C-alpha cells in the first residue's frame, strides 16, 4: 500500500515556496530530521542555496528588518522542505500535522533588539502553510556566531497524528 503523504509538498508548490537545497542536505555529521514518538525534529536550517549562504555575517543594530525577509524566507523554506521530506518517507498515514515549536538563532551585534521581528517572518510563513495547525511556541535568541557565518539558523519541532 502506497501512502499519499504528499499534501505538504502540494501546499508548498501551490504557495510558490521554492526549494533551495537538495533533499536531505546536511552540512556535517547529523540528520536533517528525526522522527520519534509522533514528533518530527528538524535540525537547524540556514539561509543556504546552491550558491552558498545568503547574506552572511552579523545582523547590524540599525537594520530595516524587511531587508531580512528574503533571508528568513529561504531559511524557513529549507525547514519546511526538510519537514516535507520526512513526512513523505513515513510508513504511516498522516491525518494532522502541527508545528509545536520553532527556535530562531540570530548572529547579531550585541545591541541588536529586533530578534522577534525577524522570527515573525518564519512564524507567518508556517501559519500561512499549515493554517491554525501552524500556530506554535517559539524562542528568538541572539548569538555571537553561527555555522558558515550565517546570519540566522532556525530549527523546528512538529507533531503528527
Protein backbone atom coordinates (compact mmCIF):
# COMPACT_ATOMS: atom_id res chain seq x y z
CA UNK A 1 0.00 0.00 0.00
CA UNK A 2 1.41 3.37 -1.05
CA UNK A 3 0.69 6.23 1.34
CA UNK A 4 -0.03 9.65 -0.11
CA UNK A 5 1.83 11.89 2.34
CA UNK A 6 2.45 14.48 -0.34
CA UNK A 7 -0.05 17.05 0.96
CA UNK A 8 2.69 19.35 2.27
CA UNK A 9 4.63 19.22 -1.00
CA UNK A 10 1.47 20.16 -2.88
CA UNK A 11 0.83 23.06 -0.49
CA UNK A 12 4.44 24.31 -0.73
CA UNK A 13 4.33 24.23 -4.52
CA UNK A 14 0.90 25.87 -4.67
CA UNK A 15 2.22 28.63 -2.38
CA UNK A 16 5.34 29.08 -4.57
CA UNK A 17 7.71 28.07 -1.76
CA UNK A 18 10.91 27.37 -3.66
CA UNK A 19 13.22 24.50 -2.77
CA UNK A 20 16.73 25.98 -2.37
CA UNK A 21 18.75 22.88 -1.45
CA UNK A 22 18.55 19.21 -2.47
CA UNK A 23 16.68 16.65 -0.41
CA UNK A 24 18.32 15.56 2.85
CA UNK A 25 21.17 18.01 2.56
CA UNK A 26 23.29 18.17 5.73
CA UNK A 27 26.50 20.15 6.24
CA UNK A 28 28.08 17.82 8.85
CA UNK A 29 27.57 14.55 10.75
CA UNK A 30 23.89 14.88 11.69
CA UNK A 31 20.46 14.04 10.32
CA UNK A 32 18.36 16.81 8.71
CA UNK A 33 15.38 15.45 10.66
CA UNK A 34 14.46 12.77 13.18
CA UNK A 35 11.03 11.18 13.66
CA UNK A 36 10.32 9.85 17.16
CA UNK A 37 7.06 9.22 19.07
CA UNK A 38 4.94 11.18 16.57
CA UNK A 39 7.30 14.17 16.74
CA UNK A 40 9.49 15.43 13.92
CA UNK A 41 12.61 17.32 14.94
CA UNK A 42 14.05 19.44 12.12
CA UNK A 43 17.73 20.29 12.52
CA UNK A 44 18.77 23.93 12.39
CA UNK A 45 18.41 25.33 8.90
CA UNK A 46 20.48 28.12 7.39
CA UNK A 47 19.66 30.55 4.56
CA UNK A 48 21.60 28.33 2.19
CA UNK A 49 21.07 27.91 -1.54
CA UNK A 50 23.06 26.10 -4.21
CA UNK A 51 25.25 29.23 -4.33
CA UNK A 52 26.03 29.14 -0.59
CA UNK A 53 24.93 31.20 2.41
CA UNK A 54 22.67 34.12 1.52
CA UNK A 55 23.85 37.41 3.12
CA UNK A 56 26.37 36.01 5.62
CA UNK A 57 27.63 37.95 8.60
CA UNK A 58 26.33 39.77 11.63
CA UNK A 59 22.96 41.46 11.74
CA UNK A 60 23.53 45.15 12.47
CA UNK A 61 21.75 47.12 15.19
CA UNK A 62 20.00 49.64 12.92
CA UNK A 63 18.70 47.44 10.10
CA UNK A 64 15.32 47.65 8.50
CA UNK A 65 14.00 44.16 9.31
CA UNK A 66 12.24 43.99 5.92
CA UNK A 67 15.76 43.72 4.42
CA UNK A 68 15.93 40.26 6.01
CA UNK A 69 12.60 38.98 4.68
CA UNK A 70 14.27 37.06 1.83
CA UNK A 71 16.87 35.52 4.17
CA UNK A 72 14.13 34.40 6.56
CA UNK A 73 12.07 33.06 3.64
CA UNK A 74 14.99 30.94 2.38
CA UNK A 75 15.70 29.59 5.87
CA UNK A 76 12.04 28.78 6.56
CA UNK A 77 11.68 27.20 3.12
CA UNK A 78 14.62 24.91 3.92
CA UNK A 79 12.92 23.97 7.20
CA UNK A 80 9.56 23.22 5.53
CA UNK A 81 11.10 21.20 2.68
CA UNK A 82 13.00 19.06 5.21
CA UNK A 83 9.71 18.54 7.04
CA UNK A 84 8.16 17.50 3.74
CA UNK A 85 10.97 15.03 3.05
CA UNK A 86 10.40 13.41 6.43
CA UNK A 87 6.64 13.01 6.18
CA UNK A 88 6.84 11.65 2.63
CA UNK A 89 9.08 8.84 3.90
CA UNK A 90 6.94 7.87 6.89
CA UNK A 91 5.27 4.49 6.72
CA UNK A 92 2.07 5.75 8.32
CA UNK A 93 -0.80 7.84 7.10
CA UNK A 94 -0.69 11.38 8.46
CA UNK A 95 -4.04 12.86 9.43
CA UNK A 96 -2.79 16.00 11.12
CA UNK A 97 0.47 17.99 11.10
CA UNK A 98 1.10 20.59 13.79
CA UNK A 99 4.01 22.98 14.39
CA UNK A 100 4.81 22.79 18.11
CA UNK A 101 7.88 24.98 18.46
CA UNK A 102 10.46 26.93 16.49
CA UNK A 103 13.76 28.35 17.64
CA UNK A 104 15.48 31.19 15.83
CA UNK A 105 19.15 31.98 16.37
CA UNK A 106 20.46 35.32 15.12
CA UNK A 107 24.13 36.15 14.56
CA UNK A 108 23.88 39.77 15.58
CA UNK A 109 25.66 42.72 17.06
CA UNK A 110 25.43 42.90 20.84
CA UNK A 111 22.90 45.76 20.90
CA UNK A 112 20.54 44.32 18.24
CA UNK A 113 16.99 44.03 19.66
CA UNK A 114 14.68 43.01 16.78
CA UNK A 115 15.00 39.22 17.12
CA UNK A 116 11.23 38.77 17.48
CA UNK A 117 10.51 40.86 14.40
CA UNK A 118 12.83 38.72 12.29
CA UNK A 119 11.33 35.47 13.60
CA UNK A 120 7.85 36.77 12.71
CA UNK A 121 8.68 36.13 9.04
CA UNK A 122 9.12 32.43 9.87
CA UNK A 123 6.06 32.26 12.13
CA UNK A 124 3.89 33.93 9.49
CA UNK A 125 5.04 31.59 6.71
CA UNK A 126 4.45 28.47 8.82
CA UNK A 127 0.93 29.65 9.71
CA UNK A 128 0.31 30.50 6.03
CA UNK A 129 1.24 26.95 5.02
CA UNK A 130 -0.29 24.97 7.91
CA UNK A 131 -3.17 27.25 8.88
CA UNK A 132 -4.28 27.00 12.50
CA UNK A 133 -2.05 23.94 12.93
CA UNK A 134 0.92 26.22 12.24
CA UNK A 135 0.48 28.19 15.47
CA UNK A 136 3.40 27.42 17.75
CA UNK A 137 5.52 28.42 20.71
CA UNK A 138 8.94 29.86 19.94
CA UNK A 139 12.13 31.45 21.14
CA UNK A 140 14.36 34.02 19.42
CA UNK A 141 17.97 34.11 20.57
CA UNK A 142 20.86 36.44 19.72
CA UNK A 143 24.25 34.71 19.41
CA UNK A 144 27.81 35.83 18.68
CA UNK A 145 28.30 33.48 15.69
CA UNK A 146 26.62 30.73 13.66
CA UNK A 147 27.91 27.96 11.34
CA UNK A 148 29.27 29.16 7.97
CA UNK A 149 28.99 32.77 9.23
CA UNK A 150 25.23 32.56 8.66
CA UNK A 151 23.13 35.44 9.94
CA UNK A 152 20.28 33.12 11.00
CA UNK A 153 19.51 29.49 11.91
CA UNK A 154 16.05 28.06 12.55
CA UNK A 155 15.03 24.68 13.95
CA UNK A 156 11.55 23.26 14.44
CA UNK A 157 9.54 20.61 16.25
CA UNK A 158 6.35 19.28 14.65
CA UNK A 159 3.84 16.63 15.71
CA UNK A 160 1.70 14.31 13.62
CA UNK A 161 -1.42 12.23 14.14
